[in-house]
Every structure is written in C-alpha cells, then in structure tokens.
Amino acid sequence: HVQLVESGGGSVQAGGSSRLSCAASEVIDSSNCMGWFRQRPGKEREGVAVIEIDGNSRYVDSVKGRFTISKDNTKNILYLQMNNLSLEDTTMYYCAADSLRYRSLGAVNWDFAGNYEYWGQGTQVTVS
C-alpha cells in the first residue's frame, strides 16, 4: 500500500518562507519521479516542481528562483522549500509519485497530473 503523507504548510506572511515535506512509503524510492502539484479552486491541478529519476529538477515558471524541490533518499522524504511567497501561492499543495520505476517524464510530461498514480492528501498553504 503506497502512502504519501504531506506536512508543513499553514499560514505565512507574503515574502516569507515555508517548507513542505512528503514522506513516502518504501515502495516509492529514487527510481520513481516525485513532484509537487497545487490546485486552486476551479482550476486544474498544476505541476509546481518535480525531481526526475536522474536527480534533475523542473519547475513551473511562476516559482522558478523561489521554490526548491529536494529529496532525502535515505529517509524517502520529498521537500519543497518555498521562499518569497506571494498571495498567488495560496492553495492546496499535493505530493505525487509516478508508479512506474525508472521512467523519466521529461520536460514535456512532468507536469501532467495523469502521469502520477500516487497522491498525498494535500496540505494547505495560505499566504497573507
């Protein structure tokens, strides 16, 4: 049974920082792409950042230079460090993992939510 459990988030002032964590069950490891998505009300789920199986990271343009995705493979925890937060970053954030091992999603497909089978329950980030 695959579990992705997010933590972090909460309320933060504009310009501040927050870190999200996602603890993955043992089935998910460094051979699976993992990423962060967010979904605003009435909008489609948006890819925020991903770590590919080769360790490369990709970001949506709106967070480049502000957010950093990383993974501790020894603890199997995915992180999203968010700096210089703005009101537009307010929404639910979801951790996701590709069920296919050794698959690199690449620049075209990394942000398509349909490529990720496993999802966390989401954590709210509110910037004010």
Protein backbone atom coordinates (compact mmCIF):
# COMPACT_ATOMS: atom_id res chain seq x y z
CA HIS A 1 0.00 0.00 0.00
CA VAL A 2 1.58 3.23 -1.17
CA GLN A 3 1.31 6.20 1.12
CA LEU A 4 2.38 9.78 0.60
CA VAL A 5 1.92 11.91 3.69
CA GLU A 6 2.44 15.65 3.43
CA SER A 7 3.24 18.01 6.26
CA GLY A 8 4.18 21.64 6.58
CA GLY A 9 2.30 24.48 5.02
CA GLY A 10 -0.04 26.58 7.10
CA SER A 11 -0.21 30.35 7.21
CA VAL A 12 2.68 32.57 6.24
CA GLN A 13 3.10 36.23 5.50
CA ALA A 14 3.81 37.44 1.99
CA GLY A 15 7.52 37.40 1.35
CA GLY A 16 8.01 34.68 3.91
CA SER A 17 9.07 31.08 3.60
CA SER A 18 7.64 27.67 4.27
CA ARG A 19 8.74 24.11 3.72
CA LEU A 20 6.55 21.22 2.73
CA SER A 21 7.51 17.62 3.38
CA CYS A 22 6.19 14.40 1.90
CA ALA A 23 7.01 11.09 3.50
CA ALA A 24 6.74 8.22 1.05
CA SER A 25 6.22 4.57 1.83
CA GLU A 26 9.04 2.19 0.95
CA VAL A 27 7.57 1.22 -2.41
CA ILE A 28 8.49 4.67 -3.72
CA ASP A 29 12.18 5.35 -3.95
CA SER A 30 14.72 7.21 -6.04
CA SER A 31 13.69 5.28 -9.14
CA ASN A 32 10.30 7.00 -9.16
CA CYS A 33 9.68 10.56 -10.29
CA MET A 34 8.19 12.59 -7.48
CA GLY A 35 6.74 16.04 -7.58
CA TRP A 36 4.57 18.72 -6.09
CA PHE A 37 1.32 19.96 -7.55
CA ARG A 38 -1.13 22.58 -6.45
CA GLN A 39 -4.75 23.19 -7.25
CA ARG A 40 -6.65 26.43 -6.89
CA PRO A 41 -10.46 26.31 -6.67
CA GLY A 42 -11.99 25.91 -10.09
CA LYS A 43 -8.61 25.31 -11.71
CA GLU A 44 -6.81 22.22 -12.94
CA ARG A 45 -4.08 20.71 -10.85
CA GLU A 46 -0.83 22.49 -11.71
CA GLY A 47 2.61 20.97 -11.64
CA VAL A 48 4.87 23.02 -9.38
CA ALA A 49 8.11 21.05 -9.33
CA VAL A 50 9.43 17.57 -9.95
CA ILE A 51 12.55 15.55 -9.24
CA GLU A 52 13.32 13.18 -12.06
CA ILE A 53 14.95 9.80 -11.55
CA ASP A 54 18.31 11.24 -12.62
CA GLY A 55 18.06 13.85 -9.90
CA ASN A 56 17.26 16.74 -12.20
CA SER A 57 14.54 19.10 -11.10
CA ARG A 58 11.99 21.04 -13.09
CA TYR A 59 9.77 23.95 -12.09
CA VAL A 60 6.79 25.82 -13.37
CA ASP A 61 7.87 29.28 -14.47
CA SER A 62 5.94 31.07 -11.73
CA VAL A 63 8.04 29.51 -8.97
CA LYS A 64 11.48 29.42 -10.56
CA GLY A 65 14.03 31.11 -8.36
CA ARG A 66 11.69 30.97 -5.34
CA PHE A 67 10.93 27.27 -4.79
CA THR A 68 13.38 24.41 -4.46
CA ILE A 69 12.46 20.74 -4.62
CA SER A 70 14.72 18.20 -2.98
CA LYS A 71 14.63 14.64 -1.73
CA ASP A 72 16.31 12.80 1.07
CA ASN A 73 16.62 9.32 -0.37
CA THR A 74 17.84 7.85 2.91
CA LYS A 75 14.61 8.88 4.63
CA ASN A 76 12.44 8.76 1.50
CA ILE A 77 11.13 12.27 2.11
CA LEU A 78 10.39 14.82 -0.59
CA TYR A 79 10.65 18.51 0.25
CA LEU A 80 9.52 21.76 -1.26
CA GLN A 81 11.23 24.83 0.10
CA MET A 82 9.17 27.88 -0.76
CA ASN A 83 10.68 31.33 -0.41
CA ASN A 84 9.39 34.81 -1.16
CA LEU A 85 5.82 33.56 -1.05
CA SER A 86 3.11 35.63 -2.66
CA LEU A 87 -0.66 35.72 -2.36
CA GLU A 88 -0.88 33.78 -5.63
CA ASP A 89 0.83 30.81 -3.96
CA THR A 90 -2.14 30.32 -1.66
CA THR A 91 -3.75 26.97 -2.34
CA MET A 92 -3.61 23.24 -1.58
CA TYR A 93 -0.33 21.51 -2.37
CA TYR A 94 -0.11 17.83 -3.21
CA CYS A 95 2.78 15.41 -3.28
CA ALA A 96 2.72 12.94 -6.16
CA ALA A 97 4.71 9.95 -7.33
CA ASP A 98 4.94 8.12 -10.61
CA SER A 99 4.14 4.44 -10.14
CA LEU A 100 6.45 3.42 -12.98
CA ARG A 101 10.01 2.98 -11.86
CA TYR A 102 12.92 4.14 -13.98
CA ARG A 103 10.71 6.38 -16.09
CA SER A 104 11.85 9.89 -16.78
CA LEU A 105 8.89 12.12 -17.56
CA GLY A 106 10.92 14.85 -19.21
CA ALA A 107 10.26 18.48 -19.92
CA VAL A 108 7.03 17.87 -21.81
CA ASN A 109 5.27 15.44 -19.49
CA TRP A 110 6.47 16.17 -15.97
CA ASP A 111 3.60 18.48 -15.15
CA PHE A 112 0.78 16.29 -16.44
CA ALA A 113 -1.07 15.07 -13.37
CA GLY A 114 -2.23 11.93 -15.19
CA ASN A 115 1.33 10.60 -15.16
CA TYR A 116 1.28 10.28 -11.38
CA GLU A 117 -0.64 7.43 -9.81
CA TYR A 118 0.08 8.12 -6.17
CA TRP A 119 -1.06 11.25 -4.38
CA GLY A 120 -0.94 12.62 -0.88
CA GLN A 121 -3.93 14.09 0.88
CA GLY A 122 -2.76 17.65 0.35
CA THR A 123 -1.62 20.42 2.64
CA GLN A 124 -2.90 23.98 2.64
CA VAL A 125 -0.59 26.94 2.20
CA THR A 126 -2.13 30.33 2.94
CA VAL A 127 -0.17 33.49 2.21
CA SER A 128 -1.49 36.76 3.57
